[in-house]
Structure formats: C-alpha cells, structure tokens
PDB file of N, CA and C in Angstrom:
ATOM      1  N   UNK A   1       0.845  -1.168   0.000  1.00  0.00           N
ATOM      2  CA  UNK A   1       0.000   0.000   0.000  1.00  0.00           C
ATOM      3  C   UNK A   1       0.892   1.233   0.000  1.00  0.00           C
ATOM      4  N   UNK A   2       0.426   2.321  -0.452  1.00  0.00           N
ATOM      5  CA  UNK A   2       1.175   3.556  -0.412  1.00  0.00           C
ATOM      6  C   UNK A   2       2.091   3.756  -1.605  1.00  0.00           C
ATOM      7  N   UNK A   3       2.515   2.656  -2.266  1.00  0.00           N
ATOM      8  CA  UNK A   3       3.359   2.817  -3.440  1.00  0.00           C
ATOM      9  C   UNK A   3       2.472   3.056  -4.649  1.00  0.00           C
ATOM     10  N   UNK A   4       2.926   3.961  -5.498  1.00  0.00           N
ATOM     11  CA  UNK A   4       2.142   4.237  -6.690  1.00  0.00           C
ATOM     12  C   UNK A   4       2.509   3.240  -7.786  1.00  0.00           C
ATOM     13  N   UNK A   5       1.603   3.042  -8.696  1.00  0.00           N
ATOM     14  CA  UNK A   5       1.842   2.155  -9.833  1.00  0.00           C
ATOM     15  C   UNK A   5       2.910   2.763 -10.724  1.00  0.00           C
ATOM     16  N   UNK A   6       3.764   1.936 -11.336  1.00  0.00           N
ATOM     17  CA  UNK A   6       4.773   2.484 -12.233  1.00  0.00           C
ATOM     18  C   UNK A   6       4.115   3.115 -13.450  1.00  0.00           C
ATOM     19  N   UNK A   7       4.681   4.189 -13.890  1.00  0.00           N
ATOM     20  CA  UNK A   7       4.157   4.870 -15.072  1.00  0.00           C
ATOM     21  C   UNK A   7       4.972   4.447 -16.280  1.00  0.00           C
ATOM     22  N   UNK A   8       4.519   4.833 -17.456  1.00  0.00           N
ATOM     23  CA  UNK A   8       5.147   4.420 -18.694  1.00  0.00           C
ATOM     24  C   UNK A   8       6.644   4.690 -18.742  1.00  0.00           C
ATOM     25  N   UNK A   9       7.066   5.818 -18.252  1.00  0.00           N
ATOM     26  CA  UNK A   9       8.488   6.167 -18.279  1.00  0.00           C
ATOM     27  C   UNK A   9       9.295   5.242 -17.365  1.00  0.00           C
ATOM     28  N   UNK A  10       8.766   4.913 -16.182  1.00  0.00           N
ATOM     29  CA  UNK A  10       9.451   4.001 -15.268  1.00  0.00           C
ATOM     30  C   UNK A  10       9.573   2.608 -15.880  1.00  0.00           C
ATOM     31  N   UNK A  11       8.511   2.158 -16.515  1.00  0.00           N
ATOM     32  CA  UNK A  11       8.525   0.842 -17.146  1.00  0.00           C
ATOM     33  C   UNK A  11       9.537   0.821 -18.281  1.00  0.00           C
ATOM     34  N   UNK A  12       9.566   1.868 -19.083  1.00  0.00           N
ATOM     35  CA  UNK A  12      10.517   1.925 -20.192  1.00  0.00           C
ATOM     36  C   UNK A  12      11.952   1.947 -19.682  1.00  0.00           C
ATOM     37  N   UNK A  13      12.200   2.677 -18.608  1.00  0.00           N
ATOM     38  CA  UNK A  13      13.546   2.699 -18.019  1.00  0.00           C
ATOM     39  C   UNK A  13      13.957   1.306 -17.552  1.00  0.00           C
ATOM     40  N   UNK A  14      13.029   0.590 -16.924  1.00  0.00           N
ATOM     41  CA  UNK A  14      13.328  -0.764 -16.453  1.00  0.00           C
ATOM     42  C   UNK A  14      13.596  -1.699 -17.629  1.00  0.00           C
ATOM     43  N   UNK A  15      12.827  -1.576 -18.698  1.00  0.00           N
ATOM     44  CA  UNK A  15      13.047  -2.401 -19.882  1.00  0.00           C
ATOM     45  C   UNK A  15      14.383  -2.090 -20.540  1.00  0.00           C
ATOM     46  N   UNK A  16      14.721  -0.824 -20.621  1.00  0.00           N
ATOM     47  CA  UNK A  16      16.014  -0.435 -21.197  1.00  0.00           C
ATOM     48  C   UNK A  16      17.162  -1.000 -20.372  1.00  0.00           C
ATOM     49  N   UNK A  17      17.051  -0.925 -19.056  1.00  0.00           N
ATOM     50  CA  UNK A  17      18.085  -1.467 -18.170  1.00  0.00           C
ATOM     51  C   UNK A  17      18.205  -2.983 -18.356  1.00  0.00           C
ATOM     52  N   UNK A  18      17.070  -3.671 -18.409  1.00  0.00           N
ATOM     53  CA  UNK A  18      17.079  -5.124 -18.570  1.00  0.00           C
ATOM     54  C   UNK A  18      17.696  -5.513 -19.910  1.00  0.00           C
ATOM     55  N   UNK A  19      17.338  -4.815 -20.967  1.00  0.00           N
ATOM     56  CA  UNK A  19      17.891  -5.104 -22.292  1.00  0.00           C
ATOM     57  C   UNK A  19      19.402  -4.906 -22.293  1.00  0.00           C
ATOM     58  N   UNK A  20      19.871  -3.848 -21.646  1.00  0.00           N
ATOM     59  CA  UNK A  20      21.303  -3.580 -21.577  1.00  0.00           C
ATOM     60  C   UNK A  20      22.028  -4.702 -20.824  1.00  0.00           C
ATOM     61  N   UNK A  21      21.474  -5.125 -19.688  1.00  0.00           N
ATOM     62  CA  UNK A  21      22.102  -6.192 -18.906  1.00  0.00           C
ATOM     63  C   UNK A  21      22.134  -7.505 -19.701  1.00  0.00           C
ATOM     64  N   UNK A  22      21.047  -7.818 -20.416  1.00  0.00           N
ATOM     65  CA  UNK A  22      21.015  -9.037 -21.223  1.00  0.00           C
ATOM     66  C   UNK A  22      22.056  -8.983 -22.337  1.00  0.00           C
ATOM     67  N   UNK A  23      22.234  -7.814 -22.938  1.00  0.00           N
ATOM     68  CA  UNK A  23      23.264  -7.656 -23.966  1.00  0.00           C
ATOM     69  C   UNK A  23      24.648  -7.851 -23.364  1.00  0.00           C
ATOM     70  N   UNK A  24      24.886  -7.302 -22.172  1.00  0.00           N
ATOM     71  CA  UNK A  24      26.178  -7.456 -21.510  1.00  0.00           C
ATOM     72  C   UNK A  24      26.475  -8.924 -21.197  1.00  0.00           C
ATOM     73  N   UNK A  25      25.454  -9.692 -20.888  1.00  0.00           N
ATOM     74  CA  UNK A  25      25.636 -11.105 -20.564  1.00  0.00           C
ATOM     75  C   UNK A  25      25.733 -11.970 -21.817  1.00  0.00           C
ATOM     76  N   UNK A  26      25.528 -11.386 -22.989  1.00  0.00           N
ATOM     77  CA  UNK A  26      25.647 -12.124 -24.239  1.00  0.00           C
ATOM     78  C   UNK A  26      24.422 -12.931 -24.608  1.00  0.00           C
ATOM     79  N   UNK A  27      23.294 -12.604 -24.020  1.00  0.00           N
ATOM     80  CA  UNK A  27      22.069 -13.369 -24.256  1.00  0.00           C
ATOM     81  C   UNK A  27      21.641 -13.293 -25.715  1.00  0.00           C
ATOM     82  N   UNK A  28      21.843 -12.166 -26.366  1.00  0.00           N
ATOM     83  CA  UNK A  28      21.360 -11.990 -27.735  1.00  0.00           C
ATOM     84  C   UNK A  28      22.356 -12.489 -28.780  1.00  0.00           C
ATOM     85  N   UNK A  29      23.495 -13.050 -28.353  1.00  0.00           N
ATOM     86  CA  UNK A  29      24.503 -13.515 -29.303  1.00  0.00           C
ATOM     87  C   UNK A  29      24.117 -14.837 -29.964  1.00  0.00           C
ATOM     88  N   UNK A  30      23.249 -15.614 -29.348  1.00  0.00           N
ATOM     89  CA  UNK A  30      22.809 -16.876 -29.930  1.00  0.00           C
ATOM     90  C   UNK A  30      21.320 -16.815 -30.221  1.00  0.00           C
ATOM     91  N   UNK A  31      20.893 -17.676 -31.111  1.00  0.00           N
ATOM     92  CA  UNK A  31      19.488 -17.670 -31.514  1.00  0.00           C
ATOM     93  C   UNK A  31      18.556 -17.994 -30.345  1.00  0.00           C
ATOM     94  N   UNK A  32      18.940 -18.935 -29.485  1.00  0.00           N
ATOM     95  CA  UNK A  32      18.087 -19.340 -28.364  1.00  0.00           C
ATOM     96  C   UNK A  32      18.470 -18.667 -27.056  1.00  0.00           C
ATOM     97  N   UNK A  33      19.275 -17.630 -27.106  1.00  0.00           N
ATOM     98  CA  UNK A  33      19.757 -16.994 -25.894  1.00  0.00           C
ATOM     99  C   UNK A  33      18.655 -16.425 -25.014  1.00  0.00           C
ATOM    100  N   UNK A  34      17.704 -15.752 -25.624  1.00  0.00           N
ATOM    101  CA  UNK A  34      16.626 -15.160 -24.840  1.00  0.00           C
ATOM    102  C   UNK A  34      15.737 -16.241 -24.232  1.00  0.00           C
ATOM    103  N   UNK A  35      15.518 -17.308 -24.980  1.00  0.00           N
ATOM    104  CA  UNK A  35      14.726 -18.418 -24.457  1.00  0.00           C
ATOM    105  C   UNK A  35      15.431 -19.052 -23.253  1.00  0.00           C
ATOM    106  N   UNK A  36      16.763 -19.239 -23.362  1.00  0.00           N
ATOM    107  CA  UNK A  36      17.540 -19.794 -22.259  1.00  0.00           C
ATOM    108  C   UNK A  36      17.450 -18.893 -21.038  1.00  0.00           C
ATOM    109  N   UNK A  37      17.585 -17.577 -21.238  1.00  0.00           N
ATOM    110  CA  UNK A  37      17.541 -16.639 -20.118  1.00  0.00           C
ATOM    111  C   UNK A  37      16.173 -16.666 -19.439  1.00  0.00           C
ATOM    112  N   UNK A  38      15.110 -16.755 -20.234  1.00  0.00           N
ATOM    113  CA  UNK A  38      13.766 -16.817 -19.659  1.00  0.00           C
ATOM    114  C   UNK A  38      13.575 -18.114 -18.872  1.00  0.00           C
ATOM    115  N   UNK A  39      14.040 -19.223 -19.426  1.00  0.00           N
ATOM    116  CA  UNK A  39      13.913 -20.507 -18.729  1.00  0.00           C
ATOM    117  C   UNK A  39      14.706 -20.489 -17.431  1.00  0.00           C
ATOM    118  N   UNK A  40      15.903 -19.963 -17.480  1.00  0.00           N
ATOM    119  CA  UNK A  40      16.733 -19.878 -16.284  1.00  0.00           C
ATOM    120  C   UNK A  40      16.049 -19.003 -15.227  1.00  0.00           C
ATOM    121  N   UNK A  41      15.468 -17.894 -15.657  1.00  0.00           N
ATOM    122  CA  UNK A  41      14.775 -17.003 -14.737  1.00  0.00           C
ATOM    123  C   UNK A  41      13.561 -17.645 -14.092  1.00  0.00           C
ATOM    124  N   UNK A  42      12.912 -18.559 -14.800  1.00  0.00           N
ATOM    125  CA  UNK A  42      11.766 -19.264 -14.225  1.00  0.00           C
ATOM    126  C   UNK A  42      12.207 -20.374 -13.278  1.00  0.00           C
ATOM    127  N   UNK A  43      13.270 -21.056 -13.614  1.00  0.00           N
ATOM    128  CA  UNK A  43      13.712 -22.196 -12.814  1.00  0.00           C
ATOM    129  C   UNK A  43      14.175 -21.765 -11.429  1.00  0.00           C
ATOM    130  N   UNK A  44      14.899 -20.676 -11.354  1.00  0.00           N
ATOM    131  CA  UNK A  44      15.452 -20.274 -10.063  1.00  0.00           C
ATOM    132  C   UNK A  44      14.400 -20.132  -8.972  1.00  0.00           C
ATOM    133  N   UNK A  45      13.353 -19.315  -9.162  1.00  0.00           N
ATOM    134  CA  UNK A  45      12.396 -19.174  -8.058  1.00  0.00           C
ATOM    135  C   UNK A  45      11.461 -20.374  -7.897  1.00  0.00           C
ATOM    136  N   UNK A  46      11.236 -21.137  -8.959  1.00  0.00           N
ATOM    137  CA  UNK A  46      10.281 -22.240  -8.882  1.00  0.00           C
ATOM    138  C   UNK A  46      10.896 -23.484  -8.276  1.00  0.00           C
ATOM    139  N   UNK A  47      12.111 -23.856  -8.699  1.00  0.00           N
ATOM    140  CA  UNK A  47      12.693 -25.121  -8.296  1.00  0.00           C
ATOM    141  C   UNK A  47      13.769 -25.004  -7.242  1.00  0.00           C
ATOM    142  N   UNK A  48      14.518 -23.926  -7.245  1.00  0.00           N
ATOM    143  CA  UNK A  48      15.620 -23.816  -6.297  1.00  0.00           C
ATOM    144  C   UNK A  48      15.090 -23.639  -4.883  1.00  0.00           C
ATOM    145  N   UNK A  49      15.693 -24.354  -3.948  1.00  0.00           N
ATOM    146  CA  UNK A  49      15.316 -24.285  -2.539  1.00  0.00           C
ATOM    147  C   UNK A  49      13.855 -24.671  -2.303  1.00  0.00           C
ATOM    148  N   UNK A  50      13.368 -25.554  -3.125  1.00  0.00           N
ATOM    149  CA  UNK A  50      11.998 -26.033  -2.980  1.00  0.00           C
ATOM    150  C   UNK A  50      11.979 -27.495  -2.598  1.00  0.00           C
ATOM    151  N   UNK A  51      10.800 -28.099  -2.604  1.00  0.00           N
ATOM    152  CA  UNK A  51      10.671 -29.487  -2.154  1.00  0.00           C
ATOM    153  C   UNK A  51      11.438 -30.493  -3.012  1.00  0.00           C
ATOM    154  N   UNK A  52      11.546 -30.242  -4.316  1.00  0.00           N
ATOM    155  CA  UNK A  52      12.278 -31.190  -5.166  1.00  0.00           C
ATOM    156  C   UNK A  52      13.757 -31.138  -4.839  1.00  0.00           C
ATOM    157  N   UNK A  53      14.298 -29.958  -4.694  1.00  0.00           N
ATOM    158  CA  UNK A  53      15.709 -29.850  -4.337  1.00  0.00           C
ATOM    159  C   UNK A  53      15.949 -30.421  -2.939  1.00  0.00           C
ATOM    160  N   UNK A  54      15.032 -30.212  -2.028  1.00  0.00           N
ATOM    161  CA  UNK A  54      15.168 -30.779  -0.687  1.00  0.00           C
ATOM    162  C   UNK A  54      15.213 -32.311  -0.741  1.00  0.00           C
ATOM    163  N   UNK A  55      14.372 -32.901  -1.589  1.00  0.00           N
ATOM    164  CA  UNK A  55      14.359 -34.354  -1.712  1.00  0.00           C
ATOM    165  C   UNK A  55      15.686 -34.856  -2.268  1.00  0.00           C
ATOM    166  N   UNK A  56      16.235 -34.163  -3.227  1.00  0.00           N
ATOM    167  CA  UNK A  56      17.518 -34.569  -3.791  1.00  0.00           C
ATOM    168  C   UNK A  56      18.657 -34.389  -2.788  1.00  0.00           C
ATOM    169  N   UNK A  57      18.514 -33.454  -1.898  1.00  0.00           N
ATOM    170  CA  UNK A  57      19.573 -33.179  -0.934  1.00  0.00           C
ATOM    171  C   UNK A  57      19.433 -34.000   0.348  1.00  0.00           C
ATOM    172  N   UNK A  58      18.377 -34.784   0.454  1.00  0.00           N
ATOM    173  CA  UNK A  58      18.167 -35.545   1.679  1.00  0.00           C
ATOM    174  C   UNK A  58      19.203 -36.658   1.808  1.00  0.00           C
ATOM    175  N   UNK A  59      19.305 -37.186   2.987  1.00  0.00           N
ATOM    176  CA  UNK A  59      20.265 -38.247   3.248  1.00  0.00           C
ATOM    177  C   UNK A  59      19.910 -39.489   2.428  1.00  0.00           C
ATOM    178  N   UNK A  60      20.919 -40.237   2.010  1.00  0.00           N
ATOM    179  CA  UNK A  60      20.659 -41.454   1.228  1.00  0.00           C
ATOM    180  C   UNK A  60      19.811 -42.455   2.009  1.00  0.00           C
ATOM    181  N   UNK A  61      18.993 -43.202   1.284  1.00  0.00           N
ATOM    182  CA  UNK A  61      18.173 -44.263   1.860  1.00  0.00           C
ATOM    183  C   UNK A  61      18.622 -45.581   1.254  1.00  0.00           C
ATOM    184  N   UNK A  62      17.942 -46.646   1.618  1.00  0.00           N
ATOM    185  CA  UNK A  62      18.293 -47.950   1.039  1.00  0.00           C
ATOM    186  C   UNK A  62      18.016 -47.987  -0.456  1.00  0.00           C
ATOM    187  N   UNK A  63      17.046 -47.223  -0.917  1.00  0.00           N
ATOM    188  CA  UNK A  63      16.737 -47.176  -2.346  1.00  0.00           C
ATOM    189  C   UNK A  63      17.710 -46.260  -3.092  1.00  0.00           C
ATOM    190  N   UNK A  64      18.191 -45.247  -2.419  1.00  0.00           N
ATOM    191  CA  UNK A  64      19.080 -44.278  -3.066  1.00  0.00           C
ATOM    192  C   UNK A  64      20.344 -44.199  -2.235  1.00  0.00           C
ATOM    193  N   UNK A  65      21.391 -44.790  -2.725  1.00  0.00           N
ATOM    194  CA  UNK A  65      22.614 -44.910  -1.934  1.00  0.00           C
ATOM    195  C   UNK A  65      23.626 -43.806  -2.197  1.00  0.00           C
ATOM    196  N   UNK A  66      23.445 -43.064  -3.252  1.00  0.00           N
ATOM    197  CA  UNK A  66      24.415 -41.995  -3.546  1.00  0.00           C
ATOM    198  C   UNK A  66      23.707 -40.661  -3.710  1.00  0.00           C
TER     199      UNK A  66
END
C-alpha cells in the first residue's frame, strides 16, 4: 500500500536497463539466448530451494545410496 503504480516512463527505463544487462551477458549472441535466459529465470524461483531440491539433498536411503 502507499506505493504508486509504475508509469510508462518508469517501465521503459526498467526495460532499457534489462535489455542492456542481457546484452552485456551475451544473451542476444545466440538464436536461443533469450529463451535460455527466460527458462533460467523461471527455474530459479520455482525449483531452487523447494521441495524437489530438498528431496535430492536428503540423506541417502536404502533405495538411493548416492
């Protein structure tokens, strides 16, 4: 509450900054670079430090020895 919605100029500034950072990281140098960056951006908050990663990090059982 209390924060105002971003206006067109703020959104454009954020997009310009994001585009610049993606160019610096070389995302646009390959044909699938943007797709890879989007997939990576989705995976981090969805899968990292979640229940699937916790299961993989759990102690070995008789079924899973390594």
